[in-house]
Amino acid sequence: MADPHGPRPTAVPPVDAGPSLGSWTLTDAQELGALRRCVTGILHPEPCGEAAHLLLLVLTELATNALKYGSQPVAVSIHAADDGWLLDARDTNWRTPPGHRARDDGAPGGYGLRILDSVTTAWGWYSRPDDGVKHVWAVVPAAGAGTAATGEPGG
């Protein structure tokens, strides 16, 4: 079971970042639609398959959380990884770790990290106080829904 307060910080994602498929800078949630359209355009050979939908879901969650809880500008990137993609969202609110919200607090939303728990093979975060950047990363399998992530290396 995942830590209810979110994953512990990790030094790096559990996979090597392969070739970059793109990187985007966001300053507003209204840019998310254009981001999704751009990413859909670069996915091959099946931009509409289940794995692509999960990639877009996770990318949107990471970007939305960074915009909502981080400091702008936010940068998101996608790298090809073995059997999937490594996504990374960066913001300059390095002192605030991601965390799960109580399930029954009555407020809308709060499911982003639970989505990561259920559809990624691993996810986590790390910060770099020397440059003031926090990274929240996730590994999305190309074959579709993955093993529930623990937020620690190795999924």
N, C-alpha and C. Protein backbone atom coordinates (compact mmCIF):
# COMPACT_ATOMS: atom_id res chain seq x y z
N MET A 1 0.84 -1.19 0.00
CA MET A 1 0.00 0.00 0.00
C MET A 1 0.88 1.24 0.00
N ALA A 2 0.48 2.23 -0.78
CA ALA A 2 1.25 3.46 -0.88
C ALA A 2 1.18 4.25 0.43
N ASP A 3 2.22 4.99 0.70
CA ASP A 3 2.28 5.86 1.87
C ASP A 3 1.16 6.90 1.76
N PRO A 4 0.29 7.06 2.77
CA PRO A 4 -0.83 8.00 2.68
C PRO A 4 -0.40 9.45 2.56
N HIS A 5 0.84 9.75 2.86
CA HIS A 5 1.34 11.12 2.76
C HIS A 5 2.12 11.33 1.47
N GLY A 6 2.07 10.39 0.57
CA GLY A 6 2.79 10.50 -0.69
C GLY A 6 4.09 9.73 -0.63
N PRO A 7 4.75 9.66 -1.77
CA PRO A 7 6.00 8.89 -1.81
C PRO A 7 7.12 9.63 -1.10
N ARG A 8 8.05 8.86 -0.59
CA ARG A 8 9.24 9.47 -0.02
C ARG A 8 10.09 9.99 -1.17
N PRO A 9 10.88 11.02 -0.92
CA PRO A 9 11.72 11.53 -2.00
C PRO A 9 12.70 10.45 -2.46
N THR A 10 12.94 10.43 -3.75
CA THR A 10 13.90 9.50 -4.31
C THR A 10 14.92 10.30 -5.11
N ALA A 11 16.10 9.75 -5.26
CA ALA A 11 17.14 10.48 -5.97
C ALA A 11 16.84 10.62 -7.45
N VAL A 12 16.38 9.55 -8.06
CA VAL A 12 16.11 9.56 -9.49
C VAL A 12 14.98 8.58 -9.78
N PRO A 13 14.33 8.72 -10.94
CA PRO A 13 13.35 7.71 -11.34
C PRO A 13 14.03 6.35 -11.51
N PRO A 14 13.26 5.27 -11.43
CA PRO A 14 13.85 3.93 -11.51
C PRO A 14 14.24 3.49 -12.92
N VAL A 15 14.01 4.33 -13.92
CA VAL A 15 14.41 4.02 -15.29
C VAL A 15 15.25 5.17 -15.83
N ASP A 16 16.09 4.85 -16.78
CA ASP A 16 16.87 5.89 -17.42
C ASP A 16 15.98 6.64 -18.40
N ALA A 17 16.16 7.95 -18.41
CA ALA A 17 15.43 8.75 -19.39
C ALA A 17 16.02 8.47 -20.76
N GLY A 18 15.19 8.01 -21.65
CA GLY A 18 15.64 7.76 -23.01
C GLY A 18 15.54 9.04 -23.81
N PRO A 19 15.38 8.91 -25.11
CA PRO A 19 15.31 10.10 -25.96
C PRO A 19 14.12 10.98 -25.57
N SER A 20 14.33 12.27 -25.63
CA SER A 20 13.27 13.22 -25.31
C SER A 20 12.25 13.23 -26.45
N LEU A 21 10.98 13.18 -26.07
CA LEU A 21 9.90 13.32 -27.04
C LEU A 21 9.36 14.74 -27.05
N GLY A 22 9.76 15.53 -26.06
CA GLY A 22 9.35 16.91 -26.01
C GLY A 22 9.36 17.46 -24.60
N SER A 23 9.41 18.78 -24.52
CA SER A 23 9.36 19.48 -23.25
C SER A 23 8.56 20.76 -23.46
N TRP A 24 7.71 21.09 -22.51
CA TRP A 24 6.81 22.22 -22.63
C TRP A 24 6.82 23.03 -21.34
N THR A 25 6.71 24.34 -21.48
CA THR A 25 6.60 25.24 -20.34
C THR A 25 5.16 25.74 -20.27
N LEU A 26 4.59 25.66 -19.07
CA LEU A 26 3.20 26.07 -18.85
C LEU A 26 3.13 27.13 -17.78
N THR A 27 2.21 28.06 -17.94
CA THR A 27 1.99 29.07 -16.91
C THR A 27 0.53 29.13 -16.48
N ASP A 28 -0.34 28.38 -17.18
CA ASP A 28 -1.77 28.47 -16.90
C ASP A 28 -2.45 27.17 -17.30
N ALA A 29 -3.49 26.78 -16.57
CA ALA A 29 -4.22 25.55 -16.85
C ALA A 29 -4.89 25.59 -18.22
N GLN A 30 -5.15 26.76 -18.78
CA GLN A 30 -5.76 26.85 -20.10
C GLN A 30 -4.84 26.31 -21.19
N GLU A 31 -3.58 26.11 -20.88
CA GLU A 31 -2.62 25.57 -21.86
C GLU A 31 -2.63 24.04 -21.91
N LEU A 32 -3.37 23.39 -21.01
CA LEU A 32 -3.35 21.93 -20.95
C LEU A 32 -3.93 21.28 -22.20
N GLY A 33 -4.97 21.85 -22.77
CA GLY A 33 -5.55 21.29 -23.99
C GLY A 33 -4.55 21.27 -25.14
N ALA A 34 -3.83 22.38 -25.32
CA ALA A 34 -2.82 22.45 -26.37
C ALA A 34 -1.69 21.46 -26.10
N LEU A 35 -1.32 21.28 -24.83
CA LEU A 35 -0.30 20.30 -24.48
C LEU A 35 -0.74 18.90 -24.88
N ARG A 36 -1.96 18.53 -24.54
CA ARG A 36 -2.48 17.20 -24.89
C ARG A 36 -2.52 16.99 -26.40
N ARG A 37 -2.95 18.02 -27.15
CA ARG A 37 -2.99 17.90 -28.61
C ARG A 37 -1.58 17.73 -29.18
N CYS A 38 -0.63 18.46 -28.66
CA CYS A 38 0.75 18.36 -29.13
C CYS A 38 1.32 16.97 -28.85
N VAL A 39 1.10 16.47 -27.64
CA VAL A 39 1.62 15.14 -27.28
C VAL A 39 0.93 14.06 -28.11
N THR A 40 -0.36 14.18 -28.34
CA THR A 40 -1.07 13.21 -29.19
C THR A 40 -0.43 13.17 -30.57
N GLY A 41 -0.02 14.31 -31.07
CA GLY A 41 0.60 14.37 -32.39
C GLY A 41 1.96 13.71 -32.48
N ILE A 42 2.67 13.58 -31.37
CA ILE A 42 4.00 12.98 -31.43
C ILE A 42 4.01 11.50 -31.08
N LEU A 43 2.89 10.97 -30.58
CA LEU A 43 2.83 9.55 -30.22
C LEU A 43 2.63 8.69 -31.45
N HIS A 44 3.44 7.68 -31.57
CA HIS A 44 3.34 6.76 -32.70
C HIS A 44 3.58 5.35 -32.21
N PRO A 45 3.04 4.33 -32.78
CA PRO A 45 2.17 4.34 -33.95
C PRO A 45 0.68 4.46 -33.61
N GLU A 46 0.31 4.37 -32.31
CA GLU A 46 -1.11 4.41 -31.94
C GLU A 46 -1.42 5.57 -31.02
N PRO A 47 -1.62 6.76 -31.58
CA PRO A 47 -1.89 7.90 -30.70
C PRO A 47 -3.22 7.82 -29.97
N CYS A 48 -4.10 6.89 -30.35
CA CYS A 48 -5.40 6.80 -29.70
C CYS A 48 -5.56 5.53 -28.89
N GLY A 49 -4.51 4.75 -28.70
CA GLY A 49 -4.61 3.51 -27.95
C GLY A 49 -4.73 3.75 -26.46
N GLU A 50 -5.00 2.67 -25.72
CA GLU A 50 -5.16 2.74 -24.27
C GLU A 50 -3.92 3.34 -23.59
N ALA A 51 -2.74 2.90 -24.01
CA ALA A 51 -1.51 3.41 -23.39
C ALA A 51 -1.37 4.91 -23.61
N ALA A 52 -1.72 5.37 -24.81
CA ALA A 52 -1.64 6.81 -25.09
C ALA A 52 -2.62 7.58 -24.22
N HIS A 53 -3.80 7.03 -24.02
CA HIS A 53 -4.78 7.69 -23.15
C HIS A 53 -4.26 7.78 -21.71
N LEU A 54 -3.64 6.71 -21.24
CA LEU A 54 -3.07 6.74 -19.88
C LEU A 54 -1.92 7.74 -19.79
N LEU A 55 -1.10 7.80 -20.84
CA LEU A 55 -0.02 8.78 -20.86
C LEU A 55 -0.58 10.19 -20.75
N LEU A 56 -1.61 10.49 -21.53
CA LEU A 56 -2.21 11.83 -21.49
C LEU A 56 -2.85 12.11 -20.14
N LEU A 57 -3.48 11.11 -19.54
CA LEU A 57 -4.08 11.27 -18.22
C LEU A 57 -3.02 11.61 -17.18
N VAL A 58 -1.95 10.84 -17.15
CA VAL A 58 -0.89 11.07 -16.16
C VAL A 58 -0.19 12.40 -16.42
N LEU A 59 0.09 12.70 -17.68
CA LEU A 59 0.73 13.97 -18.00
C LEU A 59 -0.14 15.14 -17.54
N THR A 60 -1.44 15.05 -17.78
CA THR A 60 -2.35 16.11 -17.35
C THR A 60 -2.39 16.23 -15.84
N GLU A 61 -2.40 15.12 -15.13
CA GLU A 61 -2.40 15.16 -13.66
C GLU A 61 -1.12 15.81 -13.13
N LEU A 62 0.02 15.39 -13.67
CA LEU A 62 1.29 15.97 -13.22
C LEU A 62 1.33 17.48 -13.48
N ALA A 63 0.94 17.87 -14.69
CA ALA A 63 0.97 19.30 -15.05
C ALA A 63 -0.03 20.09 -14.21
N THR A 64 -1.23 19.55 -14.03
CA THR A 64 -2.25 20.25 -13.24
C THR A 64 -1.80 20.44 -11.80
N ASN A 65 -1.26 19.38 -11.19
CA ASN A 65 -0.78 19.50 -9.81
C ASN A 65 0.36 20.50 -9.70
N ALA A 66 1.27 20.49 -10.68
CA ALA A 66 2.38 21.45 -10.64
C ALA A 66 1.86 22.88 -10.77
N LEU A 67 0.88 23.09 -11.65
CA LEU A 67 0.31 24.43 -11.80
C LEU A 67 -0.46 24.86 -10.55
N LYS A 68 -1.17 23.92 -9.95
CA LYS A 68 -2.02 24.24 -8.79
C LYS A 68 -1.21 24.43 -7.51
N TYR A 69 -0.23 23.56 -7.29
CA TYR A 69 0.49 23.57 -6.02
C TYR A 69 1.93 24.06 -6.12
N GLY A 70 2.44 24.16 -7.32
CA GLY A 70 3.82 24.58 -7.52
C GLY A 70 3.91 26.07 -7.80
N SER A 71 5.05 26.47 -8.26
CA SER A 71 5.29 27.86 -8.64
C SER A 71 5.57 27.89 -10.14
N GLN A 72 4.95 28.84 -10.83
CA GLN A 72 5.11 28.95 -12.26
C GLN A 72 6.41 29.70 -12.58
N PRO A 73 7.00 29.40 -13.74
CA PRO A 73 6.47 28.49 -14.75
C PRO A 73 6.71 27.04 -14.38
N VAL A 74 5.88 26.18 -14.96
CA VAL A 74 5.98 24.74 -14.80
C VAL A 74 6.53 24.18 -16.10
N ALA A 75 7.40 23.20 -16.00
CA ALA A 75 7.91 22.53 -17.20
C ALA A 75 7.56 21.06 -17.12
N VAL A 76 7.10 20.50 -18.21
CA VAL A 76 6.81 19.07 -18.28
C VAL A 76 7.56 18.49 -19.47
N SER A 77 8.02 17.26 -19.30
CA SER A 77 8.74 16.61 -20.40
C SER A 77 8.37 15.14 -20.45
N ILE A 78 8.57 14.57 -21.63
CA ILE A 78 8.32 13.15 -21.86
C ILE A 78 9.56 12.57 -22.51
N HIS A 79 9.98 11.42 -21.98
CA HIS A 79 11.10 10.68 -22.55
C HIS A 79 10.64 9.27 -22.86
N ALA A 80 11.13 8.73 -23.96
CA ALA A 80 10.91 7.32 -24.25
C ALA A 80 11.70 6.52 -23.23
N ALA A 81 11.09 5.49 -22.69
CA ALA A 81 11.76 4.61 -21.73
C ALA A 81 11.50 3.18 -22.16
N ASP A 82 12.21 2.24 -21.58
CA ASP A 82 11.96 0.84 -21.90
C ASP A 82 10.49 0.52 -21.66
N ASP A 83 9.79 0.10 -22.70
CA ASP A 83 8.39 -0.33 -22.61
C ASP A 83 7.45 0.75 -22.09
N GLY A 84 7.75 2.02 -22.35
CA GLY A 84 6.84 3.07 -21.92
C GLY A 84 7.45 4.45 -22.01
N TRP A 85 7.00 5.32 -21.10
CA TRP A 85 7.43 6.70 -21.09
C TRP A 85 7.76 7.14 -19.67
N LEU A 86 8.74 8.01 -19.57
CA LEU A 86 9.06 8.67 -18.31
C LEU A 86 8.59 10.11 -18.43
N LEU A 87 7.68 10.50 -17.54
CA LEU A 87 7.16 11.86 -17.53
C LEU A 87 7.76 12.59 -16.34
N ASP A 88 8.01 13.88 -16.52
CA ASP A 88 8.61 14.68 -15.46
C ASP A 88 7.94 16.05 -15.45
N ALA A 89 7.45 16.47 -14.29
CA ALA A 89 6.89 17.81 -14.12
C ALA A 89 7.77 18.55 -13.12
N ARG A 90 8.17 19.76 -13.48
CA ARG A 90 9.08 20.53 -12.64
C ARG A 90 8.45 21.87 -12.30
N ASP A 91 8.63 22.26 -11.04
CA ASP A 91 8.23 23.60 -10.61
C ASP A 91 9.23 24.08 -9.58
N THR A 92 9.11 25.33 -9.18
CA THR A 92 10.09 25.91 -8.26
C THR A 92 9.61 25.97 -6.81
N ASN A 93 8.56 25.23 -6.49
CA ASN A 93 8.11 25.13 -5.11
C ASN A 93 8.74 23.88 -4.49
N TRP A 94 10.05 23.87 -4.38
CA TRP A 94 10.79 22.68 -4.00
C TRP A 94 10.59 22.28 -2.54
N ARG A 95 10.04 23.17 -1.73
CA ARG A 95 9.85 22.85 -0.31
C ARG A 95 8.56 22.07 -0.04
N THR A 96 7.64 22.03 -1.01
CA THR A 96 6.35 21.39 -0.81
C THR A 96 6.30 20.06 -1.54
N PRO A 97 6.31 18.95 -0.80
CA PRO A 97 6.24 17.64 -1.45
C PRO A 97 4.82 17.33 -1.90
N PRO A 98 4.67 16.45 -2.90
CA PRO A 98 3.32 16.02 -3.25
C PRO A 98 2.77 15.16 -2.12
N GLY A 99 1.46 15.17 -1.96
CA GLY A 99 0.86 14.35 -0.90
C GLY A 99 -0.56 13.99 -1.22
N HIS A 100 -0.97 12.82 -0.75
CA HIS A 100 -2.35 12.38 -0.91
C HIS A 100 -3.24 13.19 0.03
N ARG A 101 -4.39 13.55 -0.47
CA ARG A 101 -5.37 14.25 0.36
C ARG A 101 -6.31 13.21 0.96
N ALA A 102 -6.87 13.53 2.13
CA ALA A 102 -7.84 12.62 2.75
C ALA A 102 -8.96 12.33 1.77
N ARG A 103 -9.41 11.10 1.74
CA ARG A 103 -10.44 10.69 0.77
C ARG A 103 -11.77 11.40 0.98
N ASP A 104 -12.15 11.63 2.20
CA ASP A 104 -13.49 12.13 2.48
C ASP A 104 -13.47 13.54 3.05
N ASP A 105 -12.67 14.42 2.50
CA ASP A 105 -12.62 15.77 3.05
C ASP A 105 -13.68 16.69 2.46
N GLY A 106 -14.48 16.19 1.50
CA GLY A 106 -15.59 16.96 0.95
C GLY A 106 -15.20 17.93 -0.15
N ALA A 107 -13.93 18.16 -0.37
CA ALA A 107 -13.49 19.09 -1.41
C ALA A 107 -13.41 18.36 -2.76
N PRO A 108 -13.65 19.10 -3.85
CA PRO A 108 -13.53 18.46 -5.17
C PRO A 108 -12.07 18.12 -5.46
N GLY A 109 -11.89 17.15 -6.35
CA GLY A 109 -10.53 16.78 -6.76
C GLY A 109 -9.85 15.92 -5.73
N GLY A 110 -8.53 15.95 -5.78
CA GLY A 110 -7.74 15.18 -4.82
C GLY A 110 -7.44 13.76 -5.23
N TYR A 111 -7.69 13.42 -6.50
CA TYR A 111 -7.48 12.05 -6.95
C TYR A 111 -6.23 11.87 -7.81
N GLY A 112 -5.51 12.94 -8.07
CA GLY A 112 -4.37 12.88 -8.98
C GLY A 112 -3.32 11.86 -8.58
N LEU A 113 -2.90 11.86 -7.34
CA LEU A 113 -1.87 10.92 -6.92
C LEU A 113 -2.41 9.50 -6.84
N ARG A 114 -3.70 9.35 -6.58
CA ARG A 114 -4.30 8.01 -6.59
C ARG A 114 -4.32 7.45 -8.01
N ILE A 115 -4.52 8.33 -8.99
CA ILE A 115 -4.44 7.91 -10.39
C ILE A 115 -3.03 7.41 -10.68
N LEU A 116 -2.02 8.15 -10.22
CA LEU A 116 -0.64 7.70 -10.42
C LEU A 116 -0.41 6.35 -9.77
N ASP A 117 -0.96 6.16 -8.58
CA ASP A 117 -0.83 4.87 -7.88
C ASP A 117 -1.39 3.72 -8.72
N SER A 118 -2.46 3.97 -9.46
CA SER A 118 -3.14 2.87 -10.13
C SER A 118 -2.70 2.63 -11.58
N VAL A 119 -2.19 3.62 -12.29
CA VAL A 119 -1.90 3.42 -13.72
C VAL A 119 -0.44 3.53 -14.10
N THR A 120 0.44 3.83 -13.15
CA THR A 120 1.86 3.90 -13.48
C THR A 120 2.59 2.71 -12.87
N THR A 121 3.77 2.42 -13.39
CA THR A 121 4.56 1.35 -12.79
C THR A 121 5.40 1.88 -11.64
N ALA A 122 5.63 3.18 -11.62
CA ALA A 122 6.35 3.83 -10.51
C ALA A 122 6.17 5.33 -10.64
N TRP A 123 6.22 6.00 -9.50
CA TRP A 123 6.25 7.46 -9.52
C TRP A 123 6.88 7.93 -8.23
N GLY A 124 7.33 9.15 -8.23
CA GLY A 124 7.97 9.70 -7.05
C GLY A 124 8.33 11.15 -7.28
N TRP A 125 9.17 11.64 -6.40
CA TRP A 125 9.58 13.04 -6.53
C TRP A 125 10.93 13.23 -5.87
N TYR A 126 11.57 14.30 -6.26
CA TYR A 126 12.81 14.72 -5.62
C TYR A 126 12.94 16.22 -5.84
N SER A 127 13.66 16.86 -4.96
CA SER A 127 13.87 18.30 -5.10
C SER A 127 15.36 18.59 -5.11
N ARG A 128 15.65 19.72 -5.68
CA ARG A 128 17.02 20.18 -5.76
C ARG A 128 17.06 21.60 -5.19
N PRO A 129 17.29 21.72 -3.88
CA PRO A 129 17.31 23.05 -3.28
C PRO A 129 18.36 23.98 -3.87
N ASP A 130 19.45 23.39 -4.40
CA ASP A 130 20.50 24.24 -4.97
C ASP A 130 20.00 25.03 -6.18
N ASP A 131 19.05 24.48 -6.96
CA ASP A 131 18.50 25.26 -8.07
C ASP A 131 17.01 25.57 -7.85
N GLY A 132 16.46 25.15 -6.70
CA GLY A 132 15.08 25.49 -6.35
C GLY A 132 14.03 24.76 -7.17
N VAL A 133 14.35 23.58 -7.67
CA VAL A 133 13.40 22.86 -8.54
C VAL A 133 12.95 21.56 -7.88
N LYS A 134 11.65 21.31 -7.97
CA LYS A 134 11.07 20.03 -7.54
C LYS A 134 10.64 19.27 -8.79
N HIS A 135 10.96 17.99 -8.83
CA HIS A 135 10.56 17.11 -9.93
C HIS A 135 9.56 16.09 -9.40
N VAL A 136 8.45 15.93 -10.08
CA VAL A 136 7.53 14.84 -9.82
C VAL A 136 7.50 14.04 -11.11
N TRP A 137 7.84 12.75 -11.01
CA TRP A 137 7.99 11.93 -12.20
C TRP A 137 7.07 10.71 -12.12
N ALA A 138 6.81 10.13 -13.28
CA ALA A 138 6.00 8.92 -13.34
C ALA A 138 6.44 8.11 -14.55
N VAL A 139 6.35 6.79 -14.42
CA VAL A 139 6.63 5.88 -15.52
C VAL A 139 5.31 5.27 -15.97
N VAL A 140 4.95 5.52 -17.21
CA VAL A 140 3.70 5.01 -17.79
C VAL A 140 4.06 3.89 -18.75
N PRO A 141 3.50 2.69 -18.54
CA PRO A 141 3.83 1.58 -19.44
C PRO A 141 3.16 1.75 -20.80
N ALA A 142 3.87 1.38 -21.86
CA ALA A 142 3.32 1.49 -23.22
C ALA A 142 2.24 0.46 -23.47
N ALA A 143 2.24 -0.63 -22.72
CA ALA A 143 1.28 -1.70 -22.94
C ALA A 143 -0.06 -1.43 -22.26
N GLY A 144 -0.21 -0.32 -21.57
CA GLY A 144 -1.47 -0.03 -20.90
C GLY A 144 -1.29 0.06 -19.41
N ALA A 145 -2.33 -0.20 -18.68
CA ALA A 145 -2.31 -0.05 -17.23
C ALA A 145 -1.21 -0.91 -16.63
N GLY A 146 -0.47 -0.31 -15.71
CA GLY A 146 0.66 -1.00 -15.10
C GLY A 146 0.33 -1.50 -13.72
N THR A 147 1.35 -2.00 -13.07
CA THR A 147 1.24 -2.44 -11.69
C THR A 147 1.09 -1.20 -10.82
N ALA A 148 0.29 -1.28 -9.79
CA ALA A 148 0.12 -0.14 -8.90
C ALA A 148 1.47 0.30 -8.39
N ALA A 149 1.70 1.61 -8.44
CA ALA A 149 2.99 2.15 -8.03
C ALA A 149 3.05 2.33 -6.52
N THR A 150 4.22 2.26 -5.99
CA THR A 150 4.43 2.51 -4.57
C THR A 150 5.06 3.86 -4.35
N GLY A 151 5.52 4.49 -5.43
CA GLY A 151 6.20 5.76 -5.28
C GLY A 151 7.66 5.59 -4.96
N GLU A 152 8.14 4.37 -4.93
CA GLU A 152 9.54 4.12 -4.66
C GLU A 152 10.16 3.40 -5.84
N PRO A 153 11.47 3.50 -6.03
CA PRO A 153 12.09 2.84 -7.17
C PRO A 153 11.71 1.37 -7.23
N GLY A 154 11.51 0.93 -8.45
CA GLY A 154 11.16 -0.47 -8.65
C GLY A 154 9.67 -0.73 -8.61
N GLY A 155 8.84 0.36 -8.35
CA GLY A 155 7.38 0.27 -8.40
C GLY A 155 6.85 -0.47 -7.28
